[in-house]
Amino acid sequence: MGKFQSTKVFDGFSTVFRQWRAEDTHCRFLHGYAVEFKVTFEGELDYRNWVWDFGGMKRSNKYIAGMSPKEWMDYMFDHTVVLANDDPERIFFENLHDKGVIQLRIIDSVGAEKFAEFIYHKLNAFVQEETNDRVRIVSVEFSENGKNSAIYSEPVVEQEKQWTGFVNGNENGGVL
């Protein structure tokens, strides 16, 4: 049986960050981008023949960090400064946030690759809960200014086991 996939681009975000560990490049400085991310969904079709209801992000009763997915995306990436948790200037940025100068968001790591991974995990948990595991996120592509992008995905180990008929090297006739 084939697989169905659909994609959705979330855009219109203005985000500033710095990669403090990139000491030998200009990326160690604050820099901002118009960012977007493309999410690829995969799963069985619903009664409407859709993999994913794109409007469902706004109508859902499920939340990410207490917000609808759309509110969460805006909160994280719209006119914000996103900082790595271990940035040595964190206190300075927290003071700017406290003074109302910036909207600070702190996550474990920054950069296109780490943003793609961060979004993947947040949205995949939401989508799987929302669809009772009928749909999953295949990948998230995070783009900076439409010129640079990074993609994060994870393998589907259980499906691979089922289709190959093997678990831990032992043939099981395709049954898990």
C-alpha atoms as a PDB file:
ATOM      1  CA  MET A   1       0.000   0.000   0.000  1.00  0.00           C
ATOM      2  CA  GLY A   2       1.276   3.462  -0.861  1.00  0.00           C
ATOM      3  CA  LYS A   3       1.886   6.324   1.505  1.00  0.00           C
ATOM      4  CA  PHE A   4       0.219   9.725   1.366  1.00  0.00           C
ATOM      5  CA  GLN A   5       2.131  12.888   2.129  1.00  0.00           C
ATOM      6  CA  SER A   6       1.213  16.553   2.160  1.00  0.00           C
ATOM      7  CA  THR A   7       3.208  19.681   2.898  1.00  0.00           C
ATOM      8  CA  LYS A   8       2.507  23.036   4.471  1.00  0.00           C
ATOM      9  CA  VAL A   9       4.738  26.121   4.534  1.00  0.00           C
ATOM     10  CA  PHE A  10       4.543  28.353   7.589  1.00  0.00           C
ATOM     11  CA  ASP A  11       6.042  31.757   6.843  1.00  0.00           C
ATOM     12  CA  GLY A  12       5.996  35.442   7.700  1.00  0.00           C
ATOM     13  CA  PHE A  13       8.255  35.193  10.744  1.00  0.00           C
ATOM     14  CA  SER A  14      11.071  37.630  11.579  1.00  0.00           C
ATOM     15  CA  THR A  15      13.577  36.062  13.922  1.00  0.00           C
ATOM     16  CA  VAL A  16      16.918  37.191  15.352  1.00  0.00           C
ATOM     17  CA  PHE A  17      19.517  34.871  16.822  1.00  0.00           C
ATOM     18  CA  ARG A  18      23.235  34.396  17.182  1.00  0.00           C
ATOM     19  CA  GLN A  19      25.428  31.335  17.194  1.00  0.00           C
ATOM     20  CA  TRP A  20      27.844  32.277  19.940  1.00  0.00           C
ATOM     21  CA  ARG A  21      29.992  29.180  19.381  1.00  0.00           C
ATOM     22  CA  ALA A  22      30.754  30.270  15.790  1.00  0.00           C
ATOM     23  CA  GLU A  23      33.635  32.412  17.047  1.00  0.00           C
ATOM     24  CA  ASP A  24      35.448  32.534  13.714  1.00  0.00           C
ATOM     25  CA  THR A  25      32.438  33.728  11.649  1.00  0.00           C
ATOM     26  CA  HIS A  26      30.044  36.645  11.563  1.00  0.00           C
ATOM     27  CA  CYS A  27      27.274  34.274  12.722  1.00  0.00           C
ATOM     28  CA  ARG A  28      28.446  34.893  16.292  1.00  0.00           C
ATOM     29  CA  PHE A  29      26.793  38.317  16.032  1.00  0.00           C
ATOM     30  CA  LEU A  30      23.075  38.970  16.293  1.00  0.00           C
ATOM     31  CA  HIS A  31      21.500  38.575  12.880  1.00  0.00           C
ATOM     32  CA  GLY A  32      17.931  38.378  11.709  1.00  0.00           C
ATOM     33  CA  TYR A  33      16.106  36.567   8.977  1.00  0.00           C
ATOM     34  CA  ALA A  34      12.731  36.216   7.411  1.00  0.00           C
ATOM     35  CA  VAL A  35      12.223  32.581   8.320  1.00  0.00           C
ATOM     36  CA  GLU A  36       9.807  29.916   7.223  1.00  0.00           C
ATOM     37  CA  PHE A  37       9.452  26.230   7.688  1.00  0.00           C
ATOM     38  CA  LYS A  38       8.020  23.557   5.447  1.00  0.00           C
ATOM     39  CA  VAL A  39       6.433  20.622   7.229  1.00  0.00           C
ATOM     40  CA  THR A  40       5.863  17.283   5.493  1.00  0.00           C
ATOM     41  CA  PHE A  41       3.023  15.186   6.921  1.00  0.00           C
ATOM     42  CA  GLU A  42       2.522  11.477   6.242  1.00  0.00           C
ATOM     43  CA  GLY A  43      -0.328   9.156   7.071  1.00  0.00           C
ATOM     44  CA  GLU A  44      -3.569   7.536   6.133  1.00  0.00           C
ATOM     45  CA  LEU A  45      -6.300   9.649   4.568  1.00  0.00           C
ATOM     46  CA  ASP A  46      -9.176  10.786   6.762  1.00  0.00           C
ATOM     47  CA  TYR A  47     -12.858  10.689   5.788  1.00  0.00           C
ATOM     48  CA  ARG A  48     -12.297  13.825   3.636  1.00  0.00           C
ATOM     49  CA  ASN A  49      -9.372  12.190   1.833  1.00  0.00           C
ATOM     50  CA  TRP A  50      -6.866  14.477   3.566  1.00  0.00           C
ATOM     51  CA  VAL A  51      -3.646  13.492   5.262  1.00  0.00           C
ATOM     52  CA  TRP A  52      -3.752  16.626   7.403  1.00  0.00           C
ATOM     53  CA  ASP A  53      -6.347  19.370   7.864  1.00  0.00           C
ATOM     54  CA  PHE A  54      -4.205  22.501   7.502  1.00  0.00           C
ATOM     55  CA  GLY A  55      -6.861  24.642   9.158  1.00  0.00           C
ATOM     56  CA  GLY A  56      -6.794  22.213  12.057  1.00  0.00           C
ATOM     57  CA  MET A  57      -3.734  23.992  13.415  1.00  0.00           C
ATOM     58  CA  LYS A  58      -6.000  26.924  14.298  1.00  0.00           C
ATOM     59  CA  ARG A  59      -9.090  24.927  15.352  1.00  0.00           C
ATOM     60  CA  SER A  60      -7.437  22.240  17.446  1.00  0.00           C
ATOM     61  CA  ASN A  61      -8.275  21.605  21.089  1.00  0.00           C
ATOM     62  CA  LYS A  62      -4.733  20.279  21.579  1.00  0.00           C
ATOM     63  CA  TYR A  63      -1.887  22.621  22.491  1.00  0.00           C
ATOM     64  CA  ILE A  64       1.836  23.157  22.306  1.00  0.00           C
ATOM     65  CA  ALA A  65       3.114  24.766  25.518  1.00  0.00           C
ATOM     66  CA  GLY A  66      -0.455  25.863  26.345  1.00  0.00           C
ATOM     67  CA  MET A  67      -1.024  27.557  22.957  1.00  0.00           C
ATOM     68  CA  SER A  68      -2.606  26.602  19.655  1.00  0.00           C
ATOM     69  CA  PRO A  69       0.093  25.586  17.155  1.00  0.00           C
ATOM     70  CA  LYS A  70      -0.327  28.872  15.248  1.00  0.00           C
ATOM     71  CA  GLU A  71      -0.042  30.905  18.464  1.00  0.00           C
ATOM     72  CA  TRP A  72       3.017  28.877  19.461  1.00  0.00           C
ATOM     73  CA  MET A  73       4.714  29.499  16.090  1.00  0.00           C
ATOM     74  CA  ASP A  74       4.075  33.243  16.396  1.00  0.00           C
ATOM     75  CA  TYR A  75       5.234  33.235  20.019  1.00  0.00           C
ATOM     76  CA  MET A  76       8.494  31.463  19.144  1.00  0.00           C
ATOM     77  CA  PHE A  77       9.464  33.050  15.843  1.00  0.00           C
ATOM     78  CA  ASP A  78       7.584  36.294  15.126  1.00  0.00           C
ATOM     79  CA  HIS A  79       9.678  39.347  16.011  1.00  0.00           C
ATOM     80  CA  THR A  80      11.652  37.422  18.588  1.00  0.00           C
ATOM     81  CA  VAL A  81      15.235  36.902  19.660  1.00  0.00           C
ATOM     82  CA  VAL A  82      15.949  33.195  20.032  1.00  0.00           C
ATOM     83  CA  LEU A  83      18.920  32.383  22.210  1.00  0.00           C
ATOM     84  CA  ALA A  84      20.755  29.166  23.072  1.00  0.00           C
ATOM     85  CA  ASN A  85      20.304  28.117  26.671  1.00  0.00           C
ATOM     86  CA  ASP A  86      24.081  28.136  27.222  1.00  0.00           C
ATOM     87  CA  ASP A  87      24.815  31.504  25.593  1.00  0.00           C
ATOM     88  CA  PRO A  88      27.328  33.268  27.868  1.00  0.00           C
ATOM     89  CA  GLU A  89      25.442  36.571  27.378  1.00  0.00           C
ATOM     90  CA  ARG A  90      22.098  35.101  28.431  1.00  0.00           C
ATOM     91  CA  ILE A  91      21.698  37.390  31.457  1.00  0.00           C
ATOM     92  CA  PHE A  92      22.285  40.447  29.241  1.00  0.00           C
ATOM     93  CA  PHE A  93      19.515  39.317  26.872  1.00  0.00           C
ATOM     94  CA  GLU A  94      17.200  38.460  29.764  1.00  0.00           C
ATOM     95  CA  ASN A  95      17.657  42.031  31.041  1.00  0.00           C
ATOM     96  CA  LEU A  96      16.697  43.398  27.608  1.00  0.00           C
ATOM     97  CA  HIS A  97      13.615  41.185  27.678  1.00  0.00           C
ATOM     98  CA  ASP A  98      12.699  42.348  31.187  1.00  0.00           C
ATOM     99  CA  LYS A  99      12.987  45.986  30.020  1.00  0.00           C
ATOM    100  CA  GLY A 100      10.634  45.306  27.105  1.00  0.00           C
ATOM    101  CA  VAL A 101      13.334  45.843  24.474  1.00  0.00           C
ATOM    102  CA  ILE A 102      13.191  42.325  22.994  1.00  0.00           C
ATOM    103  CA  GLN A 103      10.928  39.282  23.064  1.00  0.00           C
ATOM    104  CA  LEU A 104      13.377  36.606  24.208  1.00  0.00           C
ATOM    105  CA  ARG A 105      12.894  32.897  23.608  1.00  0.00           C
ATOM    106  CA  ILE A 106      15.426  30.437  25.011  1.00  0.00           C
ATOM    107  CA  ILE A 107      15.895  26.936  23.593  1.00  0.00           C
ATOM    108  CA  ASP A 108      18.644  24.335  23.888  1.00  0.00           C
ATOM    109  CA  SER A 109      20.473  25.224  20.649  1.00  0.00           C
ATOM    110  CA  VAL A 110      20.107  27.650  17.748  1.00  0.00           C
ATOM    111  CA  GLY A 111      20.802  27.565  14.012  1.00  0.00           C
ATOM    112  CA  ALA A 112      18.784  26.339  11.048  1.00  0.00           C
ATOM    113  CA  GLU A 113      19.495  22.675  11.774  1.00  0.00           C
ATOM    114  CA  LYS A 114      18.574  22.938  15.448  1.00  0.00           C
ATOM    115  CA  PHE A 115      15.452  25.018  14.687  1.00  0.00           C
ATOM    116  CA  ALA A 116      14.307  22.322  12.227  1.00  0.00           C
ATOM    117  CA  GLU A 117      14.807  19.654  14.900  1.00  0.00           C
ATOM    118  CA  PHE A 118      13.083  21.748  17.601  1.00  0.00           C
ATOM    119  CA  ILE A 119      10.019  22.397  15.410  1.00  0.00           C
ATOM    120  CA  TYR A 120       9.901  18.749  14.296  1.00  0.00           C
ATOM    121  CA  HIS A 121       9.635  17.462  17.854  1.00  0.00           C
ATOM    122  CA  LYS A 122       7.068  20.068  18.946  1.00  0.00           C
ATOM    123  CA  LEU A 123       4.812  19.599  15.909  1.00  0.00           C
ATOM    124  CA  ASN A 124       5.168  15.821  15.619  1.00  0.00           C
ATOM    125  CA  ALA A 125       3.984  15.282  19.196  1.00  0.00           C
ATOM    126  CA  PHE A 126       1.034  17.614  18.530  1.00  0.00           C
ATOM    127  CA  VAL A 127       0.089  15.996  15.193  1.00  0.00           C
ATOM    128  CA  GLN A 128       0.278  12.452  16.524  1.00  0.00           C
ATOM    129  CA  GLU A 129      -1.903  13.352  19.507  1.00  0.00           C
ATOM    130  CA  GLU A 130      -4.351  15.296  17.331  1.00  0.00           C
ATOM    131  CA  THR A 131      -4.774  12.387  14.880  1.00  0.00           C
ATOM    132  CA  ASN A 132      -4.513   9.449  17.299  1.00  0.00           C
ATOM    133  CA  ASP A 133      -1.255   8.433  15.563  1.00  0.00           C
ATOM    134  CA  ARG A 134      -2.841   8.386  12.082  1.00  0.00           C
ATOM    135  CA  VAL A 135      -0.416  11.098  10.891  1.00  0.00           C
ATOM    136  CA  ARG A 136       3.187  11.889  11.689  1.00  0.00           C
ATOM    137  CA  ILE A 137       5.660  14.557  10.653  1.00  0.00           C
ATOM    138  CA  VAL A 138       8.159  13.200   8.131  1.00  0.00           C
ATOM    139  CA  SER A 139      10.422  16.242   8.047  1.00  0.00           C
ATOM    140  CA  VAL A 140      10.746  19.927   8.795  1.00  0.00           C
ATOM    141  CA  GLU A 141      12.734  22.198   6.508  1.00  0.00           C
ATOM    142  CA  PHE A 142      13.736  25.481   8.164  1.00  0.00           C
ATOM    143  CA  SER A 143      14.671  28.291   5.737  1.00  0.00           C
ATOM    144  CA  GLU A 144      16.488  31.582   6.257  1.00  0.00           C
ATOM    145  CA  ASN A 145      15.582  34.274   3.704  1.00  0.00           C
ATOM    146  CA  GLY A 146      14.613  31.580   1.211  1.00  0.00           C
ATOM    147  CA  LYS A 147      18.311  31.029   0.431  1.00  0.00           C
ATOM    148  CA  ASN A 148      19.548  28.655   3.120  1.00  0.00           C
ATOM    149  CA  SER A 149      17.718  25.762   4.656  1.00  0.00           C
ATOM    150  CA  ALA A 150      18.224  22.738   6.868  1.00  0.00           C
ATOM    151  CA  ILE A 151      16.037  19.642   7.050  1.00  0.00           C
ATOM    152  CA  TYR A 152      15.424  17.417  10.054  1.00  0.00           C
ATOM    153  CA  SER A 153      13.744  14.008   9.912  1.00  0.00           C
ATOM    154  CA  GLU A 154      13.762  10.752  11.835  1.00  0.00           C
ATOM    155  CA  PRO A 155      13.505   7.203  10.469  1.00  0.00           C
ATOM    156  CA  VAL A 156      10.341   5.207  10.944  1.00  0.00           C
ATOM    157  CA  VAL A 157      11.844   2.118  12.518  1.00  0.00           C
ATOM    158  CA  GLU A 158       8.582   0.315  13.293  1.00  0.00           C
ATOM    159  CA  GLN A 159       7.316   0.606   9.715  1.00  0.00           C
ATOM    160  CA  GLU A 160      10.672  -0.562   8.365  1.00  0.00           C
ATOM    161  CA  LYS A 161      10.524  -3.640  10.624  1.00  0.00           C
ATOM    162  CA  GLN A 162       6.991  -4.442   9.535  1.00  0.00           C
ATOM    163  CA  TRP A 163       7.712  -4.179   5.823  1.00  0.00           C
ATOM    164  CA  THR A 164      10.973  -6.119   5.875  1.00  0.00           C
ATOM    165  CA  GLY A 165       9.548  -8.934   7.981  1.00  0.00           C
ATOM    166  CA  PHE A 166      12.516  -8.865  10.333  1.00  0.00           C
ATOM    167  CA  VAL A 167      12.883  -7.769  13.943  1.00  0.00           C
ATOM    168  CA  ASN A 168      16.353  -7.765  15.501  1.00  0.00           C
ATOM    169  CA  GLY A 169      17.643  -9.899  12.635  1.00  0.00           C
ATOM    170  CA  ASN A 170      15.026 -12.616  13.080  1.00  0.00           C
ATOM    171  CA  GLU A 171      12.452 -13.318  10.409  1.00  0.00           C
ATOM    172  CA  ASN A 172       8.915 -12.947  11.709  1.00  0.00           C
ATOM    173  CA  GLY A 173       6.872 -13.167   8.529  1.00  0.00           C
ATOM    174  CA  GLY A 174       6.083  -9.455   8.564  1.00  0.00           C
ATOM    175  CA  VAL A 175       4.279  -9.656  11.899  1.00  0.00           C
ATOM    176  CA  LEU A 176       5.556  -7.604  14.805  1.00  0.00           C
END
